[in-house]
Amino acid sequence: MHFFRRPDYQSETTQFIDQLKASKPDLEARQRQGRELLWDKHLVRSEQAEFKAAQVAQKPYVYLTENT
């Protein structure tokens, strides 16, 4: 150990997160559940193929109206 070694620095944000995790041990599990609800979707390949086949090609310039 060094004679002049300082203690490891922790920002206020890191201290807050550590205190939050200590006070709510189920926090990470609840975050994972929320992520699964919104983002982690199971895709069905056959439906994806149908969606891709049903797409309509976009015109080169989308702001051009038909009347002009």
Protein backbone atom coordinates (compact mmCIF):
# COMPACT_ATOMS: atom_id res chain seq x y z
CA MET A 1 0.00 0.00 0.00
CA HIS A 2 1.26 3.44 -0.89
CA PHE A 3 1.89 5.92 1.85
CA PHE A 4 0.20 8.82 0.08
CA ARG A 5 -2.63 6.85 -1.52
CA ARG A 6 -5.98 8.58 -1.41
CA PRO A 7 -9.22 6.68 -0.90
CA ASP A 8 -11.07 5.79 -4.09
CA TYR A 9 -13.28 8.60 -5.33
CA GLN A 10 -17.02 8.05 -5.69
CA SER A 11 -19.22 10.73 -7.18
CA GLU A 12 -22.47 11.78 -5.53
CA THR A 13 -24.35 10.04 -8.33
CA THR A 14 -22.57 6.74 -7.69
CA GLN A 15 -23.22 7.05 -3.96
CA PHE A 16 -26.91 7.77 -4.63
CA ILE A 17 -27.26 4.73 -6.90
CA ASP A 18 -25.50 2.49 -4.38
CA GLN A 19 -27.81 3.73 -1.59
CA LEU A 20 -30.86 3.25 -3.82
CA LYS A 21 -29.87 -0.33 -4.65
CA ALA A 22 -29.23 -1.05 -0.97
CA SER A 23 -32.62 0.32 0.07
CA LYS A 24 -34.52 -1.40 -2.76
CA PRO A 25 -32.91 -4.77 -3.49
CA ASP A 26 -35.61 -5.72 -6.03
CA LEU A 27 -34.97 -2.61 -8.15
CA GLU A 28 -32.92 -4.33 -10.87
CA ALA A 29 -35.46 -7.14 -11.23
CA ARG A 30 -38.25 -4.58 -11.63
CA GLN A 31 -36.19 -2.73 -14.25
CA ARG A 32 -35.72 -5.97 -16.19
CA GLN A 33 -39.47 -6.65 -16.05
CA GLY A 34 -40.17 -3.18 -17.43
CA ARG A 35 -37.66 -3.67 -20.21
CA GLU A 36 -39.22 -7.01 -21.16
CA LEU A 37 -42.63 -5.37 -21.24
CA LEU A 38 -41.59 -2.61 -23.65
CA TRP A 39 -38.56 -3.77 -25.59
CA ASP A 40 -37.76 -7.49 -25.44
CA LYS A 41 -40.38 -8.86 -27.79
CA HIS A 42 -40.39 -12.37 -29.23
CA LEU A 43 -40.74 -12.14 -32.99
CA VAL A 44 -42.55 -14.67 -35.14
CA ARG A 45 -40.61 -15.13 -38.37
CA SER A 46 -43.66 -15.94 -40.49
CA GLU A 47 -45.40 -12.72 -39.39
CA GLN A 48 -42.24 -10.73 -40.10
CA ALA A 49 -42.13 -12.14 -43.63
CA GLU A 50 -45.79 -11.18 -44.15
CA PHE A 51 -45.14 -7.63 -42.90
CA LYS A 52 -42.17 -7.27 -45.22
CA ALA A 53 -44.15 -8.59 -48.21
CA ALA A 54 -47.02 -6.16 -47.50
CA GLN A 55 -44.86 -3.04 -47.47
CA VAL A 56 -45.49 -0.46 -50.19
CA ALA A 57 -42.46 1.06 -51.87
CA GLN A 58 -41.85 4.67 -50.88
CA LYS A 59 -41.72 7.29 -53.60
CA PRO A 60 -38.35 8.96 -54.22
CA TYR A 61 -39.53 12.35 -53.03
CA VAL A 62 -42.20 11.95 -50.38
CA TYR A 63 -43.19 15.64 -50.19
CA LEU A 64 -44.21 15.85 -53.85
CA THR A 65 -48.00 15.76 -54.16
CA GLU A 66 -49.84 13.96 -56.94
CA ASN A 67 -51.51 17.15 -58.26
CA THR A 68 -48.33 19.03 -59.13
